[in-house]
Amino acid sequence: MAVVPGRTLTIIAVGFLALDGVLLGLAGWWNRRLELALAGGVLLLAALGVLLLWKRQRQRLADITAARAALKEAAGELRGLIRREGPGGSAGS
């Protein structure tokens, strides 16, 4: 299995945010304190935001990897053209 950069840190961050959100929400509900319940909701939304942004980052990294591969292939083709032509110009000389 390939190691995904930042996977462990992201999962830990989301886990802590979600746990804190649930616990604050429950504390607010049991103590009938709206502030705590709202803070819990904000933390749960933050956990969701981290997950969504992480998914977006992984997609962008995949796009960058594909673009680098295409660029490497194009550079190889250009190198081949240069080698075939040789120094000084056209291949027909």
N, C-alpha and C. Protein backbone atom coordinates (compact mmCIF):
# COMPACT_ATOMS: atom_id res chain seq x y z
N MET A 1 0.85 -1.17 0.00
CA MET A 1 0.00 0.00 0.00
C MET A 1 0.90 1.24 0.00
N ALA A 2 0.56 2.20 -0.84
CA ALA A 2 1.34 3.43 -0.94
C ALA A 2 1.06 4.34 0.24
N VAL A 3 2.08 5.01 0.69
CA VAL A 3 1.92 5.95 1.79
C VAL A 3 1.46 7.28 1.22
N VAL A 4 0.33 7.77 1.73
CA VAL A 4 -0.20 9.06 1.30
C VAL A 4 0.32 10.11 2.25
N PRO A 5 1.01 11.15 1.72
CA PRO A 5 1.56 12.17 2.60
C PRO A 5 0.47 12.87 3.41
N GLY A 6 0.68 12.96 4.70
CA GLY A 6 -0.25 13.69 5.55
C GLY A 6 -1.49 12.93 5.97
N ARG A 7 -1.61 11.68 5.56
CA ARG A 7 -2.83 10.94 5.89
C ARG A 7 -3.00 10.79 7.40
N THR A 8 -1.94 10.37 8.07
CA THR A 8 -2.04 10.13 9.51
C THR A 8 -2.37 11.41 10.26
N LEU A 9 -1.67 12.48 9.94
CA LEU A 9 -1.90 13.76 10.61
C LEU A 9 -3.32 14.26 10.36
N THR A 10 -3.80 14.10 9.14
CA THR A 10 -5.15 14.55 8.81
C THR A 10 -6.19 13.74 9.57
N ILE A 11 -6.01 12.43 9.62
CA ILE A 11 -6.98 11.58 10.33
C ILE A 11 -6.99 11.92 11.82
N ILE A 12 -5.82 12.16 12.39
CA ILE A 12 -5.75 12.53 13.81
C ILE A 12 -6.45 13.86 14.04
N ALA A 13 -6.18 14.84 13.18
CA ALA A 13 -6.81 16.16 13.34
C ALA A 13 -8.32 16.08 13.23
N VAL A 14 -8.81 15.34 12.23
CA VAL A 14 -10.26 15.19 12.07
C VAL A 14 -10.86 14.46 13.26
N GLY A 15 -10.16 13.44 13.74
CA GLY A 15 -10.66 12.69 14.90
C GLY A 15 -10.78 13.56 16.14
N PHE A 16 -9.75 14.37 16.40
CA PHE A 16 -9.82 15.26 17.57
C PHE A 16 -10.91 16.30 17.41
N LEU A 17 -11.01 16.90 16.23
CA LEU A 17 -12.06 17.91 16.02
C LEU A 17 -13.44 17.30 16.18
N ALA A 18 -13.65 16.12 15.61
CA ALA A 18 -14.97 15.48 15.69
C ALA A 18 -15.29 15.07 17.13
N LEU A 19 -14.30 14.50 17.82
CA LEU A 19 -14.53 14.11 19.21
C LEU A 19 -14.85 15.32 20.08
N ASP A 20 -14.06 16.38 19.93
CA ASP A 20 -14.33 17.60 20.70
C ASP A 20 -15.69 18.17 20.37
N GLY A 21 -16.05 18.14 19.07
CA GLY A 21 -17.35 18.66 18.67
C GLY A 21 -18.50 17.88 19.29
N VAL A 22 -18.40 16.57 19.26
CA VAL A 22 -19.46 15.74 19.83
C VAL A 22 -19.55 15.94 21.34
N LEU A 23 -18.39 15.93 21.99
CA LEU A 23 -18.42 16.09 23.45
C LEU A 23 -18.92 17.46 23.88
N LEU A 24 -18.50 18.51 23.17
CA LEU A 24 -19.02 19.85 23.51
C LEU A 24 -20.51 19.94 23.23
N GLY A 25 -20.94 19.34 22.11
CA GLY A 25 -22.37 19.35 21.80
C GLY A 25 -23.18 18.63 22.85
N LEU A 26 -22.69 17.48 23.30
CA LEU A 26 -23.40 16.75 24.35
C LEU A 26 -23.39 17.51 25.67
N ALA A 27 -22.27 18.12 26.00
CA ALA A 27 -22.20 18.90 27.24
C ALA A 27 -23.18 20.07 27.19
N GLY A 28 -23.26 20.72 26.03
CA GLY A 28 -24.22 21.82 25.89
C GLY A 28 -25.65 21.35 25.97
N TRP A 29 -25.92 20.19 25.40
CA TRP A 29 -27.29 19.67 25.43
C TRP A 29 -27.68 19.25 26.85
N TRP A 30 -26.78 18.56 27.56
CA TRP A 30 -27.08 18.12 28.92
C TRP A 30 -27.20 19.28 29.89
N ASN A 31 -26.36 20.28 29.73
CA ASN A 31 -26.38 21.43 30.65
C ASN A 31 -27.28 22.55 30.16
N ARG A 32 -27.93 22.33 29.02
CA ARG A 32 -28.81 23.33 28.42
C ARG A 32 -28.09 24.67 28.23
N ARG A 33 -26.86 24.56 27.68
CA ARG A 33 -26.06 25.76 27.39
C ARG A 33 -25.84 25.82 25.88
N LEU A 34 -26.49 26.78 25.29
CA LEU A 34 -26.46 26.93 23.84
C LEU A 34 -25.05 27.20 23.33
N GLU A 35 -24.24 27.93 24.10
CA GLU A 35 -22.89 28.27 23.65
C GLU A 35 -22.05 27.01 23.41
N LEU A 36 -22.14 26.07 24.34
CA LEU A 36 -21.37 24.83 24.19
C LEU A 36 -21.85 24.02 23.01
N ALA A 37 -23.17 23.95 22.83
CA ALA A 37 -23.72 23.19 21.71
C ALA A 37 -23.29 23.83 20.39
N LEU A 38 -23.31 25.15 20.30
CA LEU A 38 -22.87 25.83 19.09
C LEU A 38 -21.38 25.62 18.83
N ALA A 39 -20.59 25.67 19.88
CA ALA A 39 -19.15 25.43 19.72
C ALA A 39 -18.91 24.01 19.22
N GLY A 40 -19.68 23.06 19.71
CA GLY A 40 -19.57 21.68 19.24
C GLY A 40 -19.92 21.58 17.77
N GLY A 41 -20.96 22.28 17.36
CA GLY A 41 -21.34 22.28 15.95
C GLY A 41 -20.26 22.90 15.07
N VAL A 42 -19.65 23.97 15.56
CA VAL A 42 -18.56 24.60 14.80
C VAL A 42 -17.39 23.64 14.64
N LEU A 43 -17.05 22.91 15.69
CA LEU A 43 -15.95 21.95 15.60
C LEU A 43 -16.28 20.79 14.66
N LEU A 44 -17.51 20.35 14.64
CA LEU A 44 -17.90 19.30 13.71
C LEU A 44 -17.83 19.81 12.26
N LEU A 45 -18.24 21.05 12.04
CA LEU A 45 -18.12 21.63 10.71
C LEU A 45 -16.65 21.79 10.31
N ALA A 46 -15.81 22.13 11.28
CA ALA A 46 -14.38 22.25 10.99
C ALA A 46 -13.79 20.90 10.60
N ALA A 47 -14.22 19.83 11.27
CA ALA A 47 -13.74 18.49 10.91
C ALA A 47 -14.17 18.14 9.49
N LEU A 48 -15.40 18.47 9.14
CA LEU A 48 -15.88 18.22 7.78
C LEU A 48 -15.07 19.05 6.76
N GLY A 49 -14.80 20.30 7.13
CA GLY A 49 -14.01 21.16 6.25
C GLY A 49 -12.61 20.62 6.01
N VAL A 50 -11.98 20.10 7.06
CA VAL A 50 -10.64 19.52 6.91
C VAL A 50 -10.69 18.33 5.95
N LEU A 51 -11.70 17.49 6.08
CA LEU A 51 -11.83 16.33 5.19
C LEU A 51 -12.02 16.76 3.74
N LEU A 52 -12.89 17.74 3.52
CA LEU A 52 -13.15 18.19 2.16
C LEU A 52 -11.92 18.84 1.54
N LEU A 53 -11.22 19.67 2.31
CA LEU A 53 -10.02 20.33 1.79
C LEU A 53 -8.90 19.32 1.54
N TRP A 54 -8.82 18.29 2.36
CA TRP A 54 -7.81 17.26 2.17
C TRP A 54 -8.07 16.50 0.87
N LYS A 55 -9.36 16.20 0.62
CA LYS A 55 -9.72 15.51 -0.62
C LYS A 55 -9.36 16.39 -1.82
N ARG A 56 -9.63 17.68 -1.72
CA ARG A 56 -9.30 18.60 -2.81
C ARG A 56 -7.79 18.67 -3.03
N GLN A 57 -7.03 18.69 -1.94
CA GLN A 57 -5.57 18.72 -2.06
C GLN A 57 -5.05 17.45 -2.73
N ARG A 58 -5.58 16.31 -2.36
CA ARG A 58 -5.14 15.05 -2.98
C ARG A 58 -5.44 15.04 -4.47
N GLN A 59 -6.60 15.59 -4.86
CA GLN A 59 -6.94 15.66 -6.29
C GLN A 59 -5.96 16.58 -7.02
N ARG A 60 -5.62 17.69 -6.42
CA ARG A 60 -4.67 18.61 -7.06
C ARG A 60 -3.29 17.97 -7.17
N LEU A 61 -2.88 17.24 -6.15
CA LEU A 61 -1.59 16.55 -6.24
C LEU A 61 -1.60 15.50 -7.35
N ALA A 62 -2.72 14.81 -7.52
CA ALA A 62 -2.83 13.84 -8.61
C ALA A 62 -2.76 14.55 -9.97
N ASP A 63 -3.39 15.72 -10.07
CA ASP A 63 -3.32 16.49 -11.31
C ASP A 63 -1.89 16.93 -11.61
N ILE A 64 -1.19 17.38 -10.57
CA ILE A 64 0.20 17.82 -10.74
C ILE A 64 1.07 16.64 -11.17
N THR A 65 0.86 15.48 -10.58
CA THR A 65 1.62 14.29 -10.96
C THR A 65 1.39 13.93 -12.42
N ALA A 66 0.13 14.00 -12.85
CA ALA A 66 -0.18 13.70 -14.26
C ALA A 66 0.46 14.73 -15.19
N ALA A 67 0.42 15.99 -14.80
CA ALA A 67 1.03 17.04 -15.63
C ALA A 67 2.54 16.86 -15.70
N ARG A 68 3.16 16.47 -14.60
CA ARG A 68 4.61 16.24 -14.62
C ARG A 68 4.97 15.07 -15.53
N ALA A 69 4.16 14.03 -15.51
CA ALA A 69 4.41 12.88 -16.38
C ALA A 69 4.28 13.29 -17.85
N ALA A 70 3.27 14.09 -18.16
CA ALA A 70 3.08 14.56 -19.54
C ALA A 70 4.24 15.45 -19.96
N LEU A 71 4.70 16.30 -19.06
CA LEU A 71 5.83 17.18 -19.36
C LEU A 71 7.11 16.38 -19.57
N LYS A 72 7.30 15.34 -18.76
CA LYS A 72 8.48 14.49 -18.91
C LYS A 72 8.45 13.78 -20.26
N GLU A 73 7.28 13.31 -20.67
CA GLU A 73 7.15 12.65 -21.96
C GLU A 73 7.43 13.63 -23.10
N ALA A 74 6.92 14.84 -23.00
CA ALA A 74 7.15 15.84 -24.04
C ALA A 74 8.63 16.21 -24.11
N ALA A 75 9.28 16.32 -22.97
CA ALA A 75 10.72 16.64 -22.94
C ALA A 75 11.52 15.50 -23.58
N GLY A 76 11.12 14.27 -23.33
CA GLY A 76 11.79 13.14 -23.95
C GLY A 76 11.64 13.16 -25.47
N GLU A 77 10.45 13.51 -25.94
CA GLU A 77 10.24 13.61 -27.39
C GLU A 77 11.11 14.71 -27.98
N LEU A 78 11.20 15.84 -27.30
CA LEU A 78 12.05 16.94 -27.79
C LEU A 78 13.52 16.52 -27.81
N ARG A 79 13.96 15.82 -26.77
CA ARG A 79 15.34 15.34 -26.74
C ARG A 79 15.61 14.40 -27.92
N GLY A 80 14.65 13.55 -28.22
CA GLY A 80 14.79 12.63 -29.35
C GLY A 80 14.90 13.38 -30.67
N LEU A 81 14.09 14.42 -30.82
CA LEU A 81 14.16 15.22 -32.04
C LEU A 81 15.52 15.91 -32.17
N ILE A 82 16.02 16.43 -31.07
CA ILE A 82 17.30 17.12 -31.09
C ILE A 82 18.42 16.13 -31.43
N ARG A 83 18.37 14.95 -30.88
CA ARG A 83 19.42 13.95 -31.14
C ARG A 83 19.39 13.48 -32.59
N ARG A 84 18.20 13.33 -33.15
CA ARG A 84 18.09 12.89 -34.54
C ARG A 84 18.62 13.94 -35.51
N GLU A 85 18.34 15.22 -35.20
CA GLU A 85 18.80 16.28 -36.08
C GLU A 85 20.29 16.51 -35.97
N GLY A 86 20.83 16.28 -34.81
CA GLY A 86 22.25 16.47 -34.61
C GLY A 86 22.60 17.95 -34.52
N PRO A 87 23.88 18.24 -34.32
CA PRO A 87 24.29 19.64 -34.19
C PRO A 87 24.23 20.35 -35.54
N GLY A 88 23.85 21.59 -35.50
CA GLY A 88 23.91 22.40 -36.69
C GLY A 88 22.64 22.50 -37.50
N GLY A 89 21.57 21.84 -37.11
CA GLY A 89 20.36 22.13 -37.85
C GLY A 89 19.54 20.95 -38.28
N SER A 90 19.14 20.95 -39.53
CA SER A 90 18.13 20.01 -40.01
C SER A 90 18.73 18.63 -40.25
N ALA A 91 17.83 17.67 -40.30
CA ALA A 91 18.25 16.28 -40.48
C ALA A 91 18.65 16.00 -41.93
N GLY A 92 18.18 16.80 -42.86
CA GLY A 92 18.45 16.56 -44.27
C GLY A 92 19.80 17.08 -44.74
N SER A 93 20.61 17.70 -43.94
CA SER A 93 21.88 18.29 -44.38
C SER A 93 22.90 17.24 -44.69
